[in-house]
Amino acid sequence: MEIKIIENDKKINFMDLLLLGDEQEDMIYKYLEKGELFALYADDLKTVAVVTKEKEHMYEIKNLATYQKYQGNGYASIMIKYIKKHYKNICKELYVGTGENEKILRFYKRNGFEYSHTINDFFVKNYDHKIIEDGKELKDMIYLKMGIK
């Protein structure tokens, strides 16, 4: 297993997987070039993550996605551990925003995140279509955070 930092051709080679984590391309473009793209390979590509610097010592996972056929195998958790280690000397707080999906919220909490705050109607105001996950329309962005030591 190997995690690589991707510098070039982010849109060309990784957009299909990034769209699993954020289903609107123009939203991905807003953070992709300013963020670091990490790709986890185990024989082939399994998981990607994009992390951006939001403020001094504060970073955010903007996108974390695993191909559906590989979900449930721990690749996203391995990616989070790698990100924590990668940013440990420059980051004090790591954030992630997600929709009101209990399964995803539980995943992040199992990986050390705790509730931070909510941005009401984020998905309604920022996406050009309804975002449906597990049969439920997402409206609010739920932010979680963890301290990095």
N, C-alpha and C. Protein backbone atom coordinates (compact mmCIF):
# COMPACT_ATOMS: atom_id res chain seq x y z
N MET A 1 0.84 -1.17 0.00
CA MET A 1 0.00 0.00 0.00
C MET A 1 0.89 1.24 0.00
N GLU A 2 0.47 2.24 -0.78
CA GLU A 2 1.25 3.46 -0.90
C GLU A 2 0.30 4.65 -1.03
N ILE A 3 0.65 5.76 -0.37
CA ILE A 3 -0.09 7.00 -0.54
C ILE A 3 0.85 8.00 -1.19
N LYS A 4 0.37 8.57 -2.29
CA LYS A 4 1.16 9.53 -3.05
C LYS A 4 0.50 10.90 -2.98
N ILE A 5 1.33 11.94 -2.98
CA ILE A 5 0.84 13.30 -3.13
C ILE A 5 0.87 13.60 -4.63
N ILE A 6 -0.27 13.99 -5.16
CA ILE A 6 -0.42 14.21 -6.60
C ILE A 6 -0.26 15.69 -6.89
N GLU A 7 0.67 16.01 -7.77
CA GLU A 7 0.95 17.40 -8.14
C GLU A 7 0.31 17.80 -9.46
N ASN A 8 0.23 16.86 -10.40
CA ASN A 8 -0.18 17.18 -11.77
C ASN A 8 -1.40 16.37 -12.20
N ASP A 9 -2.10 16.89 -13.18
CA ASP A 9 -3.22 16.18 -13.82
C ASP A 9 -4.28 15.72 -12.83
N LYS A 10 -4.52 16.54 -11.82
CA LYS A 10 -5.51 16.19 -10.79
C LYS A 10 -6.89 16.00 -11.39
N LYS A 11 -7.30 16.92 -12.25
CA LYS A 11 -8.65 16.86 -12.84
C LYS A 11 -8.78 15.68 -13.79
N ILE A 12 -7.75 15.47 -14.59
CA ILE A 12 -7.82 14.45 -15.63
C ILE A 12 -7.85 13.04 -15.04
N ASN A 13 -6.96 12.77 -14.10
CA ASN A 13 -6.79 11.40 -13.61
C ASN A 13 -7.63 11.03 -12.40
N PHE A 14 -8.22 12.00 -11.71
CA PHE A 14 -8.86 11.68 -10.44
C PHE A 14 -10.30 12.18 -10.31
N MET A 15 -10.81 12.86 -11.33
CA MET A 15 -12.14 13.47 -11.22
C MET A 15 -13.23 12.45 -10.96
N ASP A 16 -13.16 11.28 -11.58
CA ASP A 16 -14.22 10.29 -11.37
C ASP A 16 -14.35 9.91 -9.90
N LEU A 17 -13.23 9.76 -9.23
CA LEU A 17 -13.27 9.40 -7.81
C LEU A 17 -13.63 10.61 -6.95
N LEU A 18 -13.11 11.77 -7.28
CA LEU A 18 -13.46 12.99 -6.54
C LEU A 18 -14.96 13.25 -6.60
N LEU A 19 -15.59 12.92 -7.70
CA LEU A 19 -17.04 13.12 -7.84
C LEU A 19 -17.86 12.20 -6.94
N LEU A 20 -17.26 11.14 -6.43
CA LEU A 20 -17.96 10.31 -5.44
C LEU A 20 -18.04 11.03 -4.09
N GLY A 21 -17.05 11.86 -3.81
CA GLY A 21 -17.03 12.59 -2.55
C GLY A 21 -17.72 13.94 -2.62
N ASP A 22 -17.85 14.49 -3.80
CA ASP A 22 -18.47 15.80 -4.00
C ASP A 22 -19.00 15.80 -5.43
N GLU A 23 -20.30 15.70 -5.59
CA GLU A 23 -20.85 15.37 -6.91
C GLU A 23 -21.03 16.53 -7.87
N GLN A 24 -20.45 17.70 -7.59
CA GLN A 24 -20.55 18.81 -8.52
C GLN A 24 -19.15 19.31 -8.87
N GLU A 25 -18.78 19.20 -10.14
CA GLU A 25 -17.42 19.53 -10.58
C GLU A 25 -16.98 20.94 -10.22
N ASP A 26 -17.84 21.93 -10.40
CA ASP A 26 -17.40 23.30 -10.12
C ASP A 26 -17.11 23.51 -8.64
N MET A 27 -17.73 22.75 -7.76
CA MET A 27 -17.40 22.82 -6.33
C MET A 27 -16.02 22.21 -6.09
N ILE A 28 -15.70 21.13 -6.78
CA ILE A 28 -14.38 20.50 -6.66
C ILE A 28 -13.29 21.45 -7.16
N TYR A 29 -13.56 22.13 -8.27
CA TYR A 29 -12.57 23.07 -8.82
C TYR A 29 -12.22 24.17 -7.83
N LYS A 30 -13.15 24.54 -6.97
CA LYS A 30 -12.90 25.62 -6.01
C LYS A 30 -11.78 25.28 -5.03
N TYR A 31 -11.59 24.00 -4.73
CA TYR A 31 -10.57 23.63 -3.75
C TYR A 31 -9.46 22.74 -4.30
N LEU A 32 -9.65 22.15 -5.45
CA LEU A 32 -8.69 21.15 -5.94
C LEU A 32 -7.30 21.73 -6.16
N GLU A 33 -7.20 22.84 -6.83
CA GLU A 33 -5.87 23.39 -7.15
C GLU A 33 -5.18 24.00 -5.93
N LYS A 34 -5.95 24.53 -4.99
CA LYS A 34 -5.31 25.10 -3.81
C LYS A 34 -5.00 24.06 -2.74
N GLY A 35 -5.56 22.87 -2.90
CA GLY A 35 -5.35 21.83 -1.91
C GLY A 35 -4.32 20.81 -2.32
N GLU A 36 -3.95 19.98 -1.37
CA GLU A 36 -3.08 18.84 -1.65
C GLU A 36 -3.96 17.63 -1.92
N LEU A 37 -3.66 16.93 -3.00
CA LEU A 37 -4.40 15.72 -3.36
C LEU A 37 -3.56 14.51 -2.98
N PHE A 38 -4.14 13.63 -2.20
CA PHE A 38 -3.50 12.39 -1.77
C PHE A 38 -4.23 11.23 -2.44
N ALA A 39 -3.48 10.25 -2.92
CA ALA A 39 -4.06 9.08 -3.56
C ALA A 39 -3.49 7.82 -2.92
N LEU A 40 -4.37 6.94 -2.49
CA LEU A 40 -3.98 5.68 -1.86
C LEU A 40 -4.10 4.57 -2.89
N TYR A 41 -2.98 3.87 -3.07
CA TYR A 41 -2.92 2.75 -4.00
C TYR A 41 -2.63 1.47 -3.22
N ALA A 42 -3.35 0.42 -3.54
CA ALA A 42 -3.05 -0.94 -3.09
C ALA A 42 -3.32 -1.79 -4.33
N ASP A 43 -2.32 -2.02 -5.11
CA ASP A 43 -2.39 -2.57 -6.47
C ASP A 43 -2.93 -1.51 -7.44
N ASP A 44 -4.11 -0.99 -7.15
CA ASP A 44 -4.66 0.08 -7.99
C ASP A 44 -5.19 1.19 -7.07
N LEU A 45 -5.73 2.23 -7.66
CA LEU A 45 -6.24 3.36 -6.89
C LEU A 45 -7.47 2.94 -6.10
N LYS A 46 -7.47 3.27 -4.81
CA LYS A 46 -8.60 2.93 -3.94
C LYS A 46 -9.31 4.17 -3.41
N THR A 47 -8.52 5.15 -2.92
CA THR A 47 -9.06 6.29 -2.18
C THR A 47 -8.29 7.55 -2.51
N VAL A 48 -9.00 8.68 -2.51
CA VAL A 48 -8.35 9.98 -2.64
C VAL A 48 -8.86 10.90 -1.53
N ALA A 49 -8.06 11.93 -1.25
CA ALA A 49 -8.45 12.98 -0.31
C ALA A 49 -7.83 14.29 -0.77
N VAL A 50 -8.55 15.38 -0.58
CA VAL A 50 -8.03 16.71 -0.84
C VAL A 50 -8.09 17.47 0.47
N VAL A 51 -6.96 18.07 0.84
CA VAL A 51 -6.84 18.83 2.09
C VAL A 51 -6.39 20.24 1.75
N THR A 52 -7.07 21.23 2.35
CA THR A 52 -6.73 22.63 2.12
C THR A 52 -6.36 23.31 3.42
N LYS A 53 -5.49 24.30 3.29
CA LYS A 53 -5.17 25.16 4.44
C LYS A 53 -6.22 26.25 4.50
N GLU A 54 -6.92 26.34 5.61
CA GLU A 54 -7.98 27.33 5.77
C GLU A 54 -7.50 28.57 6.52
N LYS A 55 -6.67 28.35 7.52
CA LYS A 55 -6.05 29.42 8.30
C LYS A 55 -4.73 28.87 8.82
N GLU A 56 -3.98 29.73 9.48
CA GLU A 56 -2.74 29.28 10.11
C GLU A 56 -3.06 28.13 11.07
N HIS A 57 -2.41 27.01 10.90
CA HIS A 57 -2.56 25.82 11.75
C HIS A 57 -3.94 25.16 11.66
N MET A 58 -4.75 25.52 10.67
CA MET A 58 -6.08 24.93 10.51
C MET A 58 -6.25 24.43 9.08
N TYR A 59 -6.51 23.14 8.94
CA TYR A 59 -6.67 22.50 7.65
C TYR A 59 -8.02 21.80 7.59
N GLU A 60 -8.47 21.54 6.35
CA GLU A 60 -9.77 20.89 6.18
C GLU A 60 -9.67 19.81 5.10
N ILE A 61 -10.22 18.66 5.42
CA ILE A 61 -10.41 17.62 4.41
C ILE A 61 -11.65 18.02 3.62
N LYS A 62 -11.44 18.40 2.36
CA LYS A 62 -12.54 18.86 1.52
C LYS A 62 -13.20 17.71 0.77
N ASN A 63 -12.46 16.64 0.56
CA ASN A 63 -12.98 15.52 -0.21
C ASN A 63 -12.25 14.27 0.26
N LEU A 64 -13.00 13.25 0.56
CA LEU A 64 -12.45 11.94 0.91
C LEU A 64 -13.36 10.92 0.26
N ALA A 65 -12.82 10.15 -0.68
CA ALA A 65 -13.66 9.22 -1.44
C ALA A 65 -12.92 7.93 -1.73
N THR A 66 -13.66 6.84 -1.64
CA THR A 66 -13.17 5.51 -1.97
C THR A 66 -14.11 4.92 -3.01
N TYR A 67 -13.52 4.29 -4.02
CA TYR A 67 -14.38 3.61 -4.99
C TYR A 67 -15.33 2.67 -4.26
N GLN A 68 -16.57 2.63 -4.72
CA GLN A 68 -17.61 1.88 -4.03
C GLN A 68 -17.24 0.42 -3.80
N LYS A 69 -16.60 -0.21 -4.78
CA LYS A 69 -16.27 -1.63 -4.63
C LYS A 69 -15.21 -1.89 -3.56
N TYR A 70 -14.51 -0.82 -3.12
CA TYR A 70 -13.50 -0.97 -2.07
C TYR A 70 -13.94 -0.41 -0.73
N GLN A 71 -15.13 0.16 -0.66
CA GLN A 71 -15.61 0.73 0.60
C GLN A 71 -15.79 -0.37 1.65
N GLY A 72 -15.54 0.00 2.90
CA GLY A 72 -15.66 -0.97 3.99
C GLY A 72 -14.40 -1.75 4.26
N ASN A 73 -13.32 -1.44 3.55
CA ASN A 73 -12.06 -2.15 3.74
C ASN A 73 -11.03 -1.35 4.52
N GLY A 74 -11.41 -0.19 5.04
CA GLY A 74 -10.51 0.59 5.88
C GLY A 74 -9.62 1.59 5.16
N TYR A 75 -9.77 1.73 3.85
CA TYR A 75 -8.88 2.63 3.10
C TYR A 75 -9.06 4.09 3.50
N ALA A 76 -10.28 4.53 3.73
CA ALA A 76 -10.50 5.93 4.13
C ALA A 76 -9.92 6.19 5.52
N SER A 77 -10.03 5.23 6.42
CA SER A 77 -9.44 5.37 7.76
C SER A 77 -7.92 5.45 7.67
N ILE A 78 -7.33 4.64 6.80
CA ILE A 78 -5.88 4.70 6.59
C ILE A 78 -5.49 6.07 6.06
N MET A 79 -6.29 6.61 5.15
CA MET A 79 -6.02 7.94 4.60
C MET A 79 -6.07 9.01 5.69
N ILE A 80 -7.05 8.94 6.57
CA ILE A 80 -7.15 9.92 7.66
C ILE A 80 -5.92 9.83 8.56
N LYS A 81 -5.49 8.63 8.91
CA LYS A 81 -4.29 8.47 9.74
C LYS A 81 -3.07 9.07 9.05
N TYR A 82 -2.97 8.85 7.74
CA TYR A 82 -1.85 9.41 6.98
C TYR A 82 -1.90 10.94 7.00
N ILE A 83 -3.06 11.50 6.79
CA ILE A 83 -3.22 12.96 6.78
C ILE A 83 -2.84 13.54 8.14
N LYS A 84 -3.28 12.92 9.21
CA LYS A 84 -2.92 13.38 10.56
C LYS A 84 -1.40 13.40 10.73
N LYS A 85 -0.75 12.35 10.30
CA LYS A 85 0.71 12.27 10.42
C LYS A 85 1.39 13.30 9.53
N HIS A 86 0.89 13.46 8.30
CA HIS A 86 1.48 14.39 7.33
C HIS A 86 1.43 15.84 7.83
N TYR A 87 0.36 16.21 8.51
CA TYR A 87 0.16 17.60 8.94
C TYR A 87 0.50 17.84 10.42
N LYS A 88 1.01 16.84 11.12
CA LYS A 88 1.16 16.96 12.57
C LYS A 88 2.04 18.12 13.02
N ASN A 89 3.01 18.54 12.24
CA ASN A 89 3.90 19.63 12.66
C ASN A 89 3.41 21.02 12.24
N ILE A 90 2.37 21.08 11.43
CA ILE A 90 1.89 22.38 10.95
C ILE A 90 0.40 22.62 11.21
N CYS A 91 -0.29 21.62 11.69
CA CYS A 91 -1.73 21.71 11.87
C CYS A 91 -2.09 21.48 13.34
N LYS A 92 -2.93 22.35 13.87
CA LYS A 92 -3.44 22.15 15.23
C LYS A 92 -4.86 21.62 15.21
N GLU A 93 -5.64 22.02 14.19
CA GLU A 93 -7.01 21.56 14.06
C GLU A 93 -7.27 21.11 12.63
N LEU A 94 -7.87 19.93 12.51
CA LEU A 94 -8.25 19.37 11.22
C LEU A 94 -9.77 19.27 11.19
N TYR A 95 -10.37 19.84 10.15
CA TYR A 95 -11.82 19.85 10.01
C TYR A 95 -12.25 19.00 8.82
N VAL A 96 -13.50 18.59 8.86
CA VAL A 96 -14.14 17.94 7.73
C VAL A 96 -15.61 18.33 7.76
N GLY A 97 -16.16 18.62 6.58
CA GLY A 97 -17.57 18.94 6.47
C GLY A 97 -18.28 17.86 5.68
N THR A 98 -19.48 17.52 6.12
CA THR A 98 -20.24 16.48 5.44
C THR A 98 -21.73 16.75 5.62
N GLY A 99 -22.51 16.02 4.90
CA GLY A 99 -23.96 16.16 5.01
C GLY A 99 -24.49 15.43 6.23
N GLU A 100 -25.81 15.50 6.38
CA GLU A 100 -26.48 14.90 7.54
C GLU A 100 -26.72 13.41 7.32
N ASN A 101 -25.65 12.68 7.10
CA ASN A 101 -25.71 11.26 6.85
C ASN A 101 -25.11 10.56 8.07
N GLU A 102 -25.96 9.87 8.82
CA GLU A 102 -25.52 9.25 10.09
C GLU A 102 -24.38 8.26 9.90
N LYS A 103 -24.39 7.51 8.82
CA LYS A 103 -23.32 6.53 8.56
C LYS A 103 -21.98 7.25 8.41
N ILE A 104 -21.95 8.32 7.64
CA ILE A 104 -20.72 9.06 7.42
C ILE A 104 -20.28 9.79 8.69
N LEU A 105 -21.23 10.36 9.40
CA LEU A 105 -20.89 11.03 10.67
C LEU A 105 -20.28 10.04 11.66
N ARG A 106 -20.86 8.84 11.75
CA ARG A 106 -20.29 7.80 12.64
C ARG A 106 -18.87 7.43 12.21
N PHE A 107 -18.64 7.32 10.89
CA PHE A 107 -17.30 7.01 10.38
C PHE A 107 -16.29 8.04 10.88
N TYR A 108 -16.59 9.32 10.71
CA TYR A 108 -15.65 10.36 11.13
C TYR A 108 -15.46 10.36 12.64
N LYS A 109 -16.51 10.13 13.39
CA LYS A 109 -16.38 10.09 14.86
C LYS A 109 -15.52 8.91 15.29
N ARG A 110 -15.66 7.78 14.62
CA ARG A 110 -14.80 6.62 14.92
C ARG A 110 -13.34 6.93 14.63
N ASN A 111 -13.10 7.85 13.71
CA ASN A 111 -11.74 8.21 13.34
C ASN A 111 -11.22 9.44 14.09
N GLY A 112 -11.86 9.81 15.18
CA GLY A 112 -11.33 10.84 16.07
C GLY A 112 -11.90 12.23 15.93
N PHE A 113 -12.88 12.43 15.05
CA PHE A 113 -13.50 13.74 14.89
C PHE A 113 -14.65 13.90 15.87
N GLU A 114 -14.92 15.15 16.23
CA GLU A 114 -16.09 15.46 17.07
C GLU A 114 -16.83 16.64 16.45
N TYR A 115 -18.08 16.78 16.81
CA TYR A 115 -18.91 17.84 16.24
C TYR A 115 -18.30 19.21 16.52
N SER A 116 -18.33 20.08 15.52
CA SER A 116 -17.86 21.45 15.65
C SER A 116 -19.00 22.45 15.47
N HIS A 117 -19.60 22.46 14.28
CA HIS A 117 -20.67 23.42 14.01
C HIS A 117 -21.43 23.00 12.75
N THR A 118 -22.52 23.70 12.48
CA THR A 118 -23.37 23.41 11.33
C THR A 118 -23.53 24.68 10.50
N ILE A 119 -23.49 24.52 9.18
CA ILE A 119 -23.84 25.63 8.27
C ILE A 119 -25.18 25.25 7.65
N ASN A 120 -26.22 25.95 8.07
CA ASN A 120 -27.57 25.67 7.60
C ASN A 120 -27.70 25.94 6.10
N ASP A 121 -28.42 25.06 5.43
CA ASP A 121 -28.75 25.18 4.00
C ASP A 121 -27.54 25.27 3.08
N PHE A 122 -26.40 24.77 3.50
CA PHE A 122 -25.19 24.83 2.67
C PHE A 122 -25.41 24.19 1.30
N PHE A 123 -25.95 22.98 1.30
CA PHE A 123 -26.11 22.26 0.04
C PHE A 123 -27.18 22.91 -0.84
N VAL A 124 -28.21 23.42 -0.23
CA VAL A 124 -29.28 24.09 -0.96
C VAL A 124 -28.76 25.35 -1.65
N LYS A 125 -27.92 26.10 -0.97
CA LYS A 125 -27.42 27.38 -1.49
C LYS A 125 -26.24 27.24 -2.45
N ASN A 126 -25.47 26.16 -2.35
CA ASN A 126 -24.22 26.06 -3.10
C ASN A 126 -24.21 25.05 -4.24
N TYR A 127 -25.23 24.23 -4.36
CA TYR A 127 -25.28 23.22 -5.41
C TYR A 127 -26.44 23.51 -6.35
N ASP A 128 -26.24 23.18 -7.62
CA ASP A 128 -27.27 23.49 -8.61
C ASP A 128 -28.34 22.41 -8.73
N HIS A 129 -28.27 21.41 -7.87
CA HIS A 129 -29.28 20.35 -7.85
C HIS A 129 -29.37 19.80 -6.43
N LYS A 130 -30.43 19.06 -6.17
CA LYS A 130 -30.58 18.43 -4.85
C LYS A 130 -29.52 17.35 -4.69
N ILE A 131 -28.92 17.31 -3.51
CA ILE A 131 -27.96 16.26 -3.18
C ILE A 131 -28.71 15.22 -2.35
N ILE A 132 -28.80 14.02 -2.88
CA ILE A 132 -29.52 12.93 -2.21
C ILE A 132 -28.51 11.87 -1.81
N GLU A 133 -28.52 11.51 -0.52
CA GLU A 133 -27.64 10.46 -0.02
C GLU A 133 -28.47 9.51 0.82
N ASP A 134 -28.37 8.24 0.52
CA ASP A 134 -29.16 7.21 1.22
C ASP A 134 -30.64 7.58 1.26
N GLY A 135 -31.15 8.13 0.16
CA GLY A 135 -32.55 8.45 0.05
C GLY A 135 -32.99 9.73 0.75
N LYS A 136 -32.04 10.48 1.30
CA LYS A 136 -32.38 11.70 2.05
C LYS A 136 -31.71 12.91 1.39
N GLU A 137 -32.47 14.00 1.23
CA GLU A 137 -31.90 15.22 0.69
C GLU A 137 -31.02 15.89 1.74
N LEU A 138 -29.80 16.22 1.34
CA LEU A 138 -28.89 16.93 2.24
C LEU A 138 -29.13 18.42 2.14
N LYS A 139 -29.21 19.06 3.28
CA LYS A 139 -29.41 20.51 3.31
C LYS A 139 -28.27 21.20 4.05
N ASP A 140 -27.99 20.76 5.26
CA ASP A 140 -27.00 21.41 6.12
C ASP A 140 -25.64 20.73 6.02
N MET A 141 -24.58 21.53 6.16
CA MET A 141 -23.21 21.00 6.23
C MET A 141 -22.86 20.86 7.71
N ILE A 142 -22.50 19.66 8.11
CA ILE A 142 -22.10 19.37 9.47
C ILE A 142 -20.57 19.35 9.50
N TYR A 143 -19.98 20.21 10.32
CA TYR A 143 -18.53 20.25 10.46
C TYR A 143 -18.10 19.49 11.70
N LEU A 144 -17.06 18.70 11.52
CA LEU A 144 -16.44 17.99 12.63
C LEU A 144 -14.97 18.41 12.66
N LYS A 145 -14.36 18.27 13.82
CA LYS A 145 -12.96 18.65 13.95
C LYS A 145 -12.22 17.69 14.85
N MET A 146 -10.91 17.73 14.75
CA MET A 146 -10.04 16.99 15.67
C MET A 146 -8.78 17.80 15.90
N GLY A 147 -8.25 17.70 17.10
CA GLY A 147 -6.98 18.32 17.39
C GLY A 147 -5.85 17.43 16.89
N ILE A 148 -4.81 18.06 16.40
CA ILE A 148 -3.63 17.34 15.91
C ILE A 148 -2.47 17.69 16.83
N LYS A 149 -1.78 16.68 17.30
CA LYS A 149 -0.64 16.92 18.19
C LYS A 149 0.62 16.41 17.56
